Amino acid sequence: ARLISCVRQDDTVARLGGDEFVVLLEDLSNEMAETAAIAKCVSEKILNSLNQSYLIENNFRYSTPSIGVTLFIDHQESVEELLKRADMAMYEAKSAGRNTVRFFDQKMQDMLMTKAALEDDLRRAILKEEFQLYYQPQVISSGQLIGVEALLRWKHTLRGFVSPAEFIPLAEETGLIQPIGQWVLKEACRQIANWRARGLQLTVAVNLSALQLRHAGLFNDVYQALAQSGVEAANLELELTESALMENIDAM
C-alpha cells in the first residue's frame, strides 16, 4: 500500500517474491537525464515512506529498503535483462549500507556480462570435469599428520586457475554448487580409496556450503560417494563454514 501511494495510478507495483518488489514507471520522458531525475525522486519518496514505522502486534517495527533502478527506452532490452540490471543495482545499494538508491550503469553492465560468461564457462567445466582437488595437510602441535583438507580448484581452459572466491559464490547463486559438490564428494572418496590401497589411512575433510546443507539429497550424495568408492564413513569429514551454520542455525 505504501508503494502504491508513491506512484501514479497508471504505474505498476508488484511483489516479485520474498521481500522483493518491482515498481514500473512508464512514460516518464524521452530524455534519459530527465527520466533518471524523476526515477530518483520517486525512489527517494519510496524510501521515506517505507522508513516510517510499522505498528505490528502493538510493537513498532522499521524497514531499511534497498532500491535498484534501471532505465529503458523503447523496450530495447528483454524483461529478464531489465530485472537482472535492477537486481544488480539493488545489491549495490545493499553493499553501500542499505536504505539507499543505486542506478544501474555501464560498470554494472560489464560486471553482468562477465558474470554471465563465467556462468557459461562454469557449466561447461562441470561437463568436462575441469575441477581438481588439492589436499592441504592437517597436523597437530607435535607435527603429526592427522588428515587433509580437500581444496577445490578450477583450471579454466583459457584463463588458467580461477580463484574459488570468484566462482564458488557464483556456483552457490546459480545452484551449480550441487553438481560441483557431488563431484567433490566422489573425488575425495576416490582419493581416500587410492591412498588406502597404498597403505595410507587418511581422513579427508570436505567443506559444505549453506546451499548444500539445505539440499534434501545431501545424505544420498554422501552415501553414494562412500558406497561407490568402498570408503568407510570415518575417513570422510564434512566441515561446515560459519556462514553455513548461521544460515541453518535452526536446522542444526
C-alpha atoms as a PDB file:
ATOM      1  CA  ALA A   1       0.000   0.000   0.000  1.00  0.00           C
ATOM      2  CA  ARG A   2       2.847   2.403   0.765  1.00  0.00           C
ATOM      3  CA  LEU A   3       4.485   1.653  -2.586  1.00  0.00           C
ATOM      4  CA  ILE A   4       1.232   2.297  -4.429  1.00  0.00           C
ATOM      5  CA  SER A   5       0.811   5.611  -2.611  1.00  0.00           C
ATOM      6  CA  CYS A   6       4.175   6.777  -4.021  1.00  0.00           C
ATOM      7  CA  VAL A   7       3.399   6.256  -7.703  1.00  0.00           C
ATOM      8  CA  ARG A   8       0.817   7.316 -10.286  1.00  0.00           C
ATOM      9  CA  GLN A   9      -2.371   5.430 -10.984  1.00  0.00           C
ATOM     10  CA  ASP A  10      -1.044   4.071 -14.291  1.00  0.00           C
ATOM     11  CA  ASP A  11       2.232   2.834 -12.809  1.00  0.00           C
ATOM     12  CA  THR A  12       2.678  -0.784 -11.781  1.00  0.00           C
ATOM     13  CA  VAL A  13       3.579  -2.202  -8.371  1.00  0.00           C
ATOM     14  CA  ALA A  14       4.124  -5.932  -7.934  1.00  0.00           C
ATOM     15  CA  ARG A  15       5.667  -8.354  -5.499  1.00  0.00           C
ATOM     16  CA  LEU A  16       8.403 -10.299  -7.251  1.00  0.00           C
ATOM     17  CA  GLY A  17       8.812 -12.803  -4.419  1.00  0.00           C
ATOM     18  CA  GLY A  18      10.007 -12.931  -0.827  1.00  0.00           C
ATOM     19  CA  ASP A  19      10.797  -9.390   0.265  1.00  0.00           C
ATOM     20  CA  GLU A  20      11.435  -8.077  -3.269  1.00  0.00           C
ATOM     21  CA  PHE A  21       9.051  -5.738  -5.055  1.00  0.00           C
ATOM     22  CA  VAL A  22       9.086  -4.203  -8.518  1.00  0.00           C
ATOM     23  CA  VAL A  23       7.844  -0.741  -9.439  1.00  0.00           C
ATOM     24  CA  LEU A  24       7.376   0.033 -13.135  1.00  0.00           C
ATOM     25  CA  LEU A  25       7.203   3.721 -14.066  1.00  0.00           C
ATOM     26  CA  GLU A  26       6.128   4.267 -17.659  1.00  0.00           C
ATOM     27  CA  ASP A  27       6.118   7.284 -19.989  1.00  0.00           C
ATOM     28  CA  LEU A  28       8.406   9.464 -17.880  1.00  0.00           C
ATOM     29  CA  SER A  29      10.337  11.315 -20.590  1.00  0.00           C
ATOM     30  CA  ASN A  30      12.090  10.887 -23.932  1.00  0.00           C
ATOM     31  CA  GLU A  31      15.234  12.342 -22.370  1.00  0.00           C
ATOM     32  CA  MET A  32      17.309   9.919 -20.343  1.00  0.00           C
ATOM     33  CA  ALA A  33      18.559  12.590 -17.930  1.00  0.00           C
ATOM     34  CA  GLU A  34      15.045  13.733 -17.113  1.00  0.00           C
ATOM     35  CA  THR A  35      13.879  10.133 -16.760  1.00  0.00           C
ATOM     36  CA  ALA A  36      16.701   9.454 -14.295  1.00  0.00           C
ATOM     37  CA  ALA A  37      15.817  12.551 -12.273  1.00  0.00           C
ATOM     38  CA  ILE A  38      12.160  11.520 -11.998  1.00  0.00           C
ATOM     39  CA  ALA A  39      13.095   7.932 -11.106  1.00  0.00           C
ATOM     40  CA  LYS A  40      15.446   9.212  -8.400  1.00  0.00           C
ATOM     41  CA  CYS A  41      12.727  11.451  -6.986  1.00  0.00           C
ATOM     42  CA  VAL A  42      10.201   8.601  -6.857  1.00  0.00           C
ATOM     43  CA  SER A  43      12.784   6.249  -5.334  1.00  0.00           C
ATOM     44  CA  GLU A  44      13.554   8.702  -2.539  1.00  0.00           C
ATOM     45  CA  LYS A  45       9.835   9.146  -1.950  1.00  0.00           C
ATOM     46  CA  ILE A  46       9.503   5.363  -1.607  1.00  0.00           C
ATOM     47  CA  LEU A  47      12.441   5.249   0.818  1.00  0.00           C
ATOM     48  CA  ASN A  48      10.896   7.931   3.018  1.00  0.00           C
ATOM     49  CA  SER A  49       7.551   6.151   3.000  1.00  0.00           C
ATOM     50  CA  LEU A  50       8.960   2.723   3.848  1.00  0.00           C
ATOM     51  CA  ASN A  51      11.191   4.203   6.546  1.00  0.00           C
ATOM     52  CA  GLN A  52       8.147   5.159   8.598  1.00  0.00           C
ATOM     53  CA  SER A  53       7.441   2.818  11.498  1.00  0.00           C
ATOM     54  CA  TYR A  54       5.075  -0.139  11.222  1.00  0.00           C
ATOM     55  CA  LEU A  55       2.774  -0.989  14.134  1.00  0.00           C
ATOM     56  CA  ILE A  56       2.670  -4.784  14.279  1.00  0.00           C
ATOM     57  CA  GLU A  57       1.073  -6.540  17.260  1.00  0.00           C
ATOM     58  CA  ASN A  58       1.457  -3.430  19.423  1.00  0.00           C
ATOM     59  CA  ASN A  59       5.161  -3.114  18.586  1.00  0.00           C
ATOM     60  CA  PHE A  60       6.832  -0.627  16.265  1.00  0.00           C
ATOM     61  CA  ARG A  61       8.982  -2.162  13.520  1.00  0.00           C
ATOM     62  CA  TYR A  62      11.223  -0.472  10.978  1.00  0.00           C
ATOM     63  CA  SER A  63      12.368  -1.279   7.460  1.00  0.00           C
ATOM     64  CA  THR A  64      15.543  -0.176   5.659  1.00  0.00           C
ATOM     65  CA  PRO A  65      14.896  -0.958   1.988  1.00  0.00           C
ATOM     66  CA  SER A  66      17.490  -1.020  -0.778  1.00  0.00           C
ATOM     67  CA  ILE A  67      16.390   0.197  -4.203  1.00  0.00           C
ATOM     68  CA  GLY A  68      17.979  -0.616  -7.540  1.00  0.00           C
ATOM     69  CA  VAL A  69      16.953   1.377 -10.608  1.00  0.00           C
ATOM     70  CA  THR A  70      17.406   0.665 -14.293  1.00  0.00           C
ATOM     71  CA  LEU A  71      16.228   2.859 -17.172  1.00  0.00           C
ATOM     72  CA  PHE A  72      14.954   1.726 -20.555  1.00  0.00           C
ATOM     73  CA  ILE A  73      13.599   3.322 -23.724  1.00  0.00           C
ATOM     74  CA  ASP A  74      11.537   1.689 -26.493  1.00  0.00           C
ATOM     75  CA  HIS A  75      11.787  -1.760 -24.880  1.00  0.00           C
ATOM     76  CA  GLN A  76      15.205  -2.464 -26.355  1.00  0.00           C
ATOM     77  CA  GLU A  77      16.024  -4.938 -23.587  1.00  0.00           C
ATOM     78  CA  SER A  78      14.122  -8.049 -22.524  1.00  0.00           C
ATOM     79  CA  VAL A  79      12.159  -8.117 -19.286  1.00  0.00           C
ATOM     80  CA  GLU A  80      14.622 -10.651 -17.882  1.00  0.00           C
ATOM     81  CA  GLU A  81      17.552  -8.374 -18.717  1.00  0.00           C
ATOM     82  CA  LEU A  82      15.882  -5.357 -17.096  1.00  0.00           C
ATOM     83  CA  LEU A  83      15.161  -7.321 -13.913  1.00  0.00           C
ATOM     84  CA  LYS A  84      18.768  -8.516 -13.785  1.00  0.00           C
ATOM     85  CA  ARG A  85      20.007  -4.952 -14.080  1.00  0.00           C
ATOM     86  CA  ALA A  86      17.648  -3.668 -11.389  1.00  0.00           C
ATOM     87  CA  ASP A  87      18.628  -6.596  -9.163  1.00  0.00           C
ATOM     88  CA  MET A  88      22.327  -5.865  -9.585  1.00  0.00           C
ATOM     89  CA  ALA A  89      21.763  -2.201  -8.772  1.00  0.00           C
ATOM     90  CA  MET A  90      19.785  -3.237  -5.689  1.00  0.00           C
ATOM     91  CA  TYR A  91      22.691  -5.333  -4.423  1.00  0.00           C
ATOM     92  CA  GLU A  92      24.954  -2.349  -4.959  1.00  0.00           C
ATOM     93  CA  ALA A  93      22.570  -0.395  -2.721  1.00  0.00           C
ATOM     94  CA  LYS A  94      22.807  -3.130  -0.096  1.00  0.00           C
ATOM     95  CA  SER A  95      26.598  -3.119  -0.284  1.00  0.00           C
ATOM     96  CA  ALA A  96      26.559   0.648   0.225  1.00  0.00           C
ATOM     97  CA  GLY A  97      24.907   0.193   3.616  1.00  0.00           C
ATOM     98  CA  ARG A  98      21.237  -0.337   2.719  1.00  0.00           C
ATOM     99  CA  ASN A  99      18.450   2.210   2.903  1.00  0.00           C
ATOM    100  CA  THR A 100      19.678   3.886  -0.258  1.00  0.00           C
ATOM    101  CA  VAL A 101      19.205   4.033  -4.045  1.00  0.00           C
ATOM    102  CA  ARG A 102      21.595   2.909  -6.767  1.00  0.00           C
ATOM    103  CA  PHE A 103      21.273   3.165 -10.559  1.00  0.00           C
ATOM    104  CA  PHE A 104      22.460   0.516 -12.975  1.00  0.00           C
ATOM    105  CA  ASP A 105      25.404   1.831 -15.017  1.00  0.00           C
ATOM    106  CA  GLN A 106      27.908   0.601 -17.594  1.00  0.00           C
ATOM    107  CA  LYS A 107      30.231  -0.726 -14.920  1.00  0.00           C
ATOM    108  CA  MET A 108      27.435  -2.947 -13.667  1.00  0.00           C
ATOM    109  CA  GLN A 109      26.687  -3.944 -17.260  1.00  0.00           C
ATOM    110  CA  ASP A 110      30.293  -5.046 -17.710  1.00  0.00           C
ATOM    111  CA  MET A 111      30.088  -6.982 -14.449  1.00  0.00           C
ATOM    112  CA  LEU A 112      26.856  -8.611 -15.602  1.00  0.00           C
ATOM    113  CA  MET A 113      28.379  -9.693 -18.906  1.00  0.00           C
ATOM    114  CA  THR A 114      31.476 -11.050 -17.176  1.00  0.00           C
ATOM    115  CA  LYS A 115      29.308 -12.900 -14.694  1.00  0.00           C
ATOM    116  CA  ALA A 116      27.147 -14.405 -17.444  1.00  0.00           C
ATOM    117  CA  ALA A 117      30.225 -15.547 -19.369  1.00  0.00           C
ATOM    118  CA  LEU A 118      31.725 -17.086 -16.228  1.00  0.00           C
ATOM    119  CA  GLU A 119      28.473 -18.926 -15.538  1.00  0.00           C
ATOM    120  CA  ASP A 120      28.544 -20.420 -19.049  1.00  0.00           C
ATOM    121  CA  ASP A 121      32.165 -21.467 -18.536  1.00  0.00           C
ATOM    122  CA  LEU A 122      31.281 -22.957 -15.158  1.00  0.00           C
ATOM    123  CA  ARG A 123      28.551 -25.084 -16.683  1.00  0.00           C
ATOM    124  CA  ARG A 124      30.990 -26.358 -19.314  1.00  0.00           C
ATOM    125  CA  ALA A 125      33.576 -27.017 -16.619  1.00  0.00           C
ATOM    126  CA  ILE A 126      31.133 -29.317 -14.846  1.00  0.00           C
ATOM    127  CA  LEU A 127      30.509 -31.311 -18.009  1.00  0.00           C
ATOM    128  CA  LYS A 128      34.206 -31.505 -18.872  1.00  0.00           C
ATOM    129  CA  GLU A 129      35.287 -32.082 -15.251  1.00  0.00           C
ATOM    130  CA  GLU A 130      37.825 -29.268 -15.287  1.00  0.00           C
ATOM    131  CA  PHE A 131      37.980 -29.231 -11.489  1.00  0.00           C
ATOM    132  CA  GLN A 132      40.810 -30.531  -9.356  1.00  0.00           C
ATOM    133  CA  LEU A 133      41.189 -31.246  -5.667  1.00  0.00           C
ATOM    134  CA  TYR A 134      44.314 -30.196  -3.808  1.00  0.00           C
ATOM    135  CA  TYR A 135      44.926 -31.655  -0.373  1.00  0.00           C
ATOM    136  CA  GLN A 136      46.192 -29.457   2.448  1.00  0.00           C
ATOM    137  CA  PRO A 137      47.800 -31.376   5.333  1.00  0.00           C
ATOM    138  CA  GLN A 138      46.231 -31.111   8.789  1.00  0.00           C
ATOM    139  CA  VAL A 139      48.750 -31.527  11.598  1.00  0.00           C
ATOM    140  CA  ILE A 140      48.683 -31.247  15.377  1.00  0.00           C
ATOM    141  CA  SER A 141      51.224 -29.331  17.507  1.00  0.00           C
ATOM    142  CA  SER A 142      53.628 -32.251  17.528  1.00  0.00           C
ATOM    143  CA  GLY A 143      53.758 -32.178  13.740  1.00  0.00           C
ATOM    144  CA  GLN A 144      51.860 -35.430  13.350  1.00  0.00           C
ATOM    145  CA  LEU A 145      49.738 -35.651  10.196  1.00  0.00           C
ATOM    146  CA  ILE A 146      46.123 -36.397  11.184  1.00  0.00           C
ATOM    147  CA  GLY A 147      44.382 -35.788   7.863  1.00  0.00           C
ATOM    148  CA  VAL A 148      43.986 -33.468   4.911  1.00  0.00           C
ATOM    149  CA  GLU A 149      41.518 -30.834   3.777  1.00  0.00           C
ATOM    150  CA  ALA A 150      40.214 -31.023   0.207  1.00  0.00           C
ATOM    151  CA  LEU A 151      40.565 -27.670  -1.591  1.00  0.00           C
ATOM    152  CA  LEU A 152      38.610 -27.214  -4.809  1.00  0.00           C
ATOM    153  CA  ARG A 153      40.423 -25.666  -7.757  1.00  0.00           C
ATOM    154  CA  TRP A 154      39.168 -24.845 -11.247  1.00  0.00           C
ATOM    155  CA  LYS A 155      41.653 -24.737 -14.117  1.00  0.00           C
ATOM    156  CA  HIS A 156      39.940 -22.778 -16.873  1.00  0.00           C
ATOM    157  CA  THR A 157      40.982 -23.786 -20.401  1.00  0.00           C
ATOM    158  CA  LEU A 158      41.890 -20.175 -21.293  1.00  0.00           C
ATOM    159  CA  ARG A 159      42.212 -18.251 -18.026  1.00  0.00           C
ATOM    160  CA  GLY A 160      44.140 -20.846 -16.073  1.00  0.00           C
ATOM    161  CA  PHE A 161      43.239 -21.214 -12.410  1.00  0.00           C
ATOM    162  CA  VAL A 162      40.153 -19.265 -11.376  1.00  0.00           C
ATOM    163  CA  SER A 163      40.017 -18.115  -7.752  1.00  0.00           C
ATOM    164  CA  PRO A 164      37.486 -20.025  -5.598  1.00  0.00           C
ATOM    165  CA  ALA A 165      36.455 -16.626  -4.211  1.00  0.00           C
ATOM    166  CA  GLU A 166      35.246 -15.818  -7.733  1.00  0.00           C
ATOM    167  CA  PHE A 167      33.489 -18.990  -8.813  1.00  0.00           C
ATOM    168  CA  ILE A 168      32.189 -20.506  -5.553  1.00  0.00           C
ATOM    169  CA  PRO A 169      29.745 -17.615  -4.808  1.00  0.00           C
ATOM    170  CA  LEU A 170      28.533 -17.797  -8.422  1.00  0.00           C
ATOM    171  CA  ALA A 171      28.086 -21.561  -8.138  1.00  0.00           C
ATOM    172  CA  GLU A 172      26.012 -21.082  -4.993  1.00  0.00           C
ATOM    173  CA  GLU A 173      23.937 -18.306  -6.554  1.00  0.00           C
ATOM    174  CA  THR A 174      23.127 -20.356  -9.668  1.00  0.00           C
ATOM    175  CA  GLY A 175      22.630 -23.697  -7.914  1.00  0.00           C
ATOM    176  CA  LEU A 176      25.643 -25.192  -9.703  1.00  0.00           C
ATOM    177  CA  ILE A 177      27.202 -25.876  -6.312  1.00  0.00           C
ATOM    178  CA  GLN A 178      25.055 -29.017  -6.202  1.00  0.00           C
ATOM    179  CA  PRO A 179      26.697 -30.952  -9.086  1.00  0.00           C
ATOM    180  CA  ILE A 180      30.080 -29.497  -8.132  1.00  0.00           C
ATOM    181  CA  GLY A 181      29.594 -30.647  -4.551  1.00  0.00           C
ATOM    182  CA  GLN A 182      28.660 -34.137  -5.733  1.00  0.00           C
ATOM    183  CA  TRP A 183      31.841 -34.304  -7.799  1.00  0.00           C
ATOM    184  CA  VAL A 184      33.945 -33.144  -4.835  1.00  0.00           C
ATOM    185  CA  LEU A 185      32.499 -35.854  -2.575  1.00  0.00           C
ATOM    186  CA  LYS A 186      33.094 -38.588  -5.160  1.00  0.00           C
ATOM    187  CA  GLU A 187      36.617 -37.400  -5.989  1.00  0.00           C
ATOM    188  CA  ALA A 188      37.573 -37.091  -2.308  1.00  0.00           C
ATOM    189  CA  CYS A 189      36.315 -40.614  -1.607  1.00  0.00           C
ATOM    190  CA  ARG A 190      38.125 -41.931  -4.699  1.00  0.00           C
ATOM    191  CA  GLN A 191      41.364 -40.404  -3.399  1.00  0.00           C
ATOM    192  CA  ILE A 192      40.815 -41.881   0.071  1.00  0.00           C
ATOM    193  CA  ALA A 193      40.414 -45.325  -1.506  1.00  0.00           C
ATOM    194  CA  ASN A 194      43.557 -44.763  -3.598  1.00  0.00           C
ATOM    195  CA  TRP A 195      45.605 -43.845  -0.529  1.00  0.00           C
ATOM    196  CA  ARG A 196      44.214 -46.768   1.444  1.00  0.00           C
ATOM    197  CA  ALA A 197      45.288 -49.155  -1.341  1.00  0.00           C
ATOM    198  CA  ARG A 198      48.826 -47.779  -0.870  1.00  0.00           C
ATOM    199  CA  GLY A 199      48.698 -48.281   2.891  1.00  0.00           C
ATOM    200  CA  LEU A 200      47.808 -44.717   3.896  1.00  0.00           C
ATOM    201  CA  GLN A 201      44.906 -44.166   6.275  1.00  0.00           C
ATOM    202  CA  LEU A 202      43.980 -40.505   5.986  1.00  0.00           C
ATOM    203  CA  THR A 203      40.834 -38.613   6.866  1.00  0.00           C
ATOM    204  CA  VAL A 204      39.763 -36.118   4.201  1.00  0.00           C
ATOM    205  CA  ALA A 205      37.769 -33.026   5.194  1.00  0.00           C
ATOM    206  CA  VAL A 206      35.323 -31.623   2.641  1.00  0.00           C
ATOM    207  CA  ASN A 207      33.691 -28.210   3.022  1.00  0.00           C
ATOM    208  CA  LEU A 208      29.925 -27.912   2.647  1.00  0.00           C
ATOM    209  CA  SER A 209      28.128 -24.728   1.631  1.00  0.00           C
ATOM    210  CA  ALA A 210      24.882 -23.443   3.112  1.00  0.00           C
ATOM    211  CA  LEU A 211      23.059 -24.410  -0.084  1.00  0.00           C
ATOM    212  CA  GLN A 212      24.300 -27.989   0.140  1.00  0.00           C
ATOM    213  CA  LEU A 213      23.082 -28.198   3.727  1.00  0.00           C
ATOM    214  CA  ARG A 214      19.598 -27.172   2.659  1.00  0.00           C
ATOM    215  CA  HIS A 215      19.566 -29.714  -0.167  1.00  0.00           C
ATOM    216  CA  ALA A 216      17.398 -32.725   0.655  1.00  0.00           C
ATOM    217  CA  GLY A 217      19.672 -35.019  -1.354  1.00  0.00           C
ATOM    218  CA  LEU A 218      22.840 -34.328   0.662  1.00  0.00           C
ATOM    219  CA  PHE A 219      22.614 -37.548   2.653  1.00  0.00           C
ATOM    220  CA  ASN A 220      22.205 -39.574  -0.530  1.00  0.00           C
ATOM    221  CA  ASP A 221      25.130 -37.751  -2.190  1.00  0.00           C
ATOM    222  CA  VAL A 222      27.412 -38.674   0.726  1.00  0.00           C
ATOM    223  CA  TYR A 223      26.103 -42.236   0.837  1.00  0.00           C
ATOM    224  CA  GLN A 224      26.641 -42.751  -2.899  1.00  0.00           C
ATOM    225  CA  ALA A 225      30.178 -41.357  -2.785  1.00  0.00           C
ATOM    226  CA  LEU A 226      31.097 -43.691   0.092  1.00  0.00           C
ATOM    227  CA  ALA A 227      29.370 -46.746  -1.429  1.00  0.00           C
ATOM    228  CA  GLN A 228      30.912 -46.343  -4.896  1.00  0.00           C
ATOM    229  CA  SER A 229      34.437 -45.989  -3.512  1.00  0.00           C
ATOM    230  CA  GLY A 230      34.153 -48.541  -0.721  1.00  0.00           C
ATOM    231  CA  VAL A 231      35.405 -45.970   1.782  1.00  0.00           C
ATOM    232  CA  GLU A 232      34.284 -46.033   5.400  1.00  0.00           C
ATOM    233  CA  ALA A 233      32.427 -43.006   6.689  1.00  0.00           C
ATOM    234  CA  ALA A 234      35.045 -42.491   9.403  1.00  0.00           C
ATOM    235  CA  ASN A 235      37.542 -41.462   6.727  1.00  0.00           C
ATOM    236  CA  LEU A 236      35.346 -38.641   5.388  1.00  0.00           C
ATOM    237  CA  GLU A 237      34.907 -35.474   7.411  1.00  0.00           C
ATOM    238  CA  LEU A 238      32.280 -32.882   6.491  1.00  0.00           C
ATOM    239  CA  GLU A 239      33.155 -29.340   7.509  1.00  0.00           C
ATOM    240  CA  LEU A 240      30.576 -26.590   7.923  1.00  0.00           C
ATOM    241  CA  THR A 241      31.535 -22.977   7.419  1.00  0.00           C
ATOM    242  CA  GLU A 242      30.409 -20.303   9.881  1.00  0.00           C
ATOM    243  CA  SER A 243      28.140 -18.775   7.238  1.00  0.00           C
ATOM    244  CA  ALA A 244      26.544 -22.170   6.616  1.00  0.00           C
ATOM    245  CA  LEU A 245      25.853 -22.600  10.313  1.00  0.00           C
ATOM    246  CA  MET A 246      24.416 -19.102  10.666  1.00  0.00           C
ATOM    247  CA  GLU A 247      22.039 -19.661   7.755  1.00  0.00           C
ATOM    248  CA  ASN A 248      20.919 -23.038   9.091  1.00  0.00           C
ATOM    249  CA  ILE A 249      21.091 -22.497  12.848  1.00  0.00           C
ATOM    250  CA  ASP A 250      17.558 -23.829  13.438  1.00  0.00           C
ATOM    251  CA  ALA A 251      18.202 -26.951  11.369  1.00  0.00           C
ATOM    252  CA  MET A 252      21.416 -27.656  13.286  1.00  0.00           C
END
